[in-house]
C-alpha atoms as a PDB file:
ATOM      1  CA  UNK A   1      83.923 109.805  93.385  1.00  0.00           C
ATOM      2  CA  UNK A   2      84.594 106.044  93.934  1.00  0.00           C
ATOM      3  CA  UNK A   3      88.199 106.841  95.035  1.00  0.00           C
ATOM      4  CA  UNK A   4      86.860 109.117  97.942  1.00  0.00           C
ATOM      5  CA  UNK A   5      84.937 106.081  99.305  1.00  0.00           C
ATOM      6  CA  UNK A   6      87.874 103.793  99.350  1.00  0.00           C
ATOM      7  CA  UNK A   7      90.005 106.517 100.836  1.00  0.00           C
ATOM      8  CA  UNK A   8      87.540 107.053 103.678  1.00  0.00           C
ATOM      9  CA  UNK A   9      87.328 103.159 104.246  1.00  0.00           C
ATOM     10  CA  UNK A  10      91.047 102.990 104.253  1.00  0.00           C
ATOM     11  CA  UNK A  11      91.434 105.810 106.789  1.00  0.00           C
ATOM     12  CA  UNK A  12      88.819 104.286 108.992  1.00  0.00           C
ATOM     13  CA  UNK A  13      90.460 100.910 108.992  1.00  0.00           C
ATOM     14  CA  UNK A  14      93.926 102.525 109.823  1.00  0.00           C
ATOM     15  CA  UNK A  15      92.517 104.631 112.665  1.00  0.00           C
ATOM     16  CA  UNK A  16      90.526 101.555 113.973  1.00  0.00           C
ATOM     17  CA  UNK A  17      93.685  99.473 113.897  1.00  0.00           C
ATOM     18  CA  UNK A  18      95.557 102.253 115.744  1.00  0.00           C
ATOM     19  CA  UNK A  19      93.006 102.495 118.461  1.00  0.00           C
ATOM     20  CA  UNK A  20      92.837  98.817 118.965  1.00  0.00           C
ATOM     21  CA  UNK A  21      96.620  98.400 119.242  1.00  0.00           C
ATOM     22  CA  UNK A  22      96.739 101.429 121.586  1.00  0.00           C
ATOM     23  CA  UNK A  23      94.132 100.027 123.852  1.00  0.00           C
ATOM     24  CA  UNK A  24      95.814  96.707 123.953  1.00  0.00           C
ATOM     25  CA  UNK A  25      99.119  98.345 124.846  1.00  0.00           C
ATOM     26  CA  UNK A  26      97.340 100.327 127.617  1.00  0.00           C
ATOM     27  CA  UNK A  27      95.707  97.221 128.890  1.00  0.00           C
ATOM     28  CA  UNK A  28      99.015  95.435 128.981  1.00  0.00           C
ATOM     29  CA  UNK A  29     100.482  98.092 131.269  1.00  0.00           C
ATOM     30  CA  UNK A  30     100.228  97.432 135.036  1.00  0.00           C
END
């Protein structure tokens, strides 16, 4: 359904943001 596509996109965006934030936090560590 159309909802499923939005759910997949939403999940992908959340995961992507989490990975970016995590990698930024890792790169900030000495």
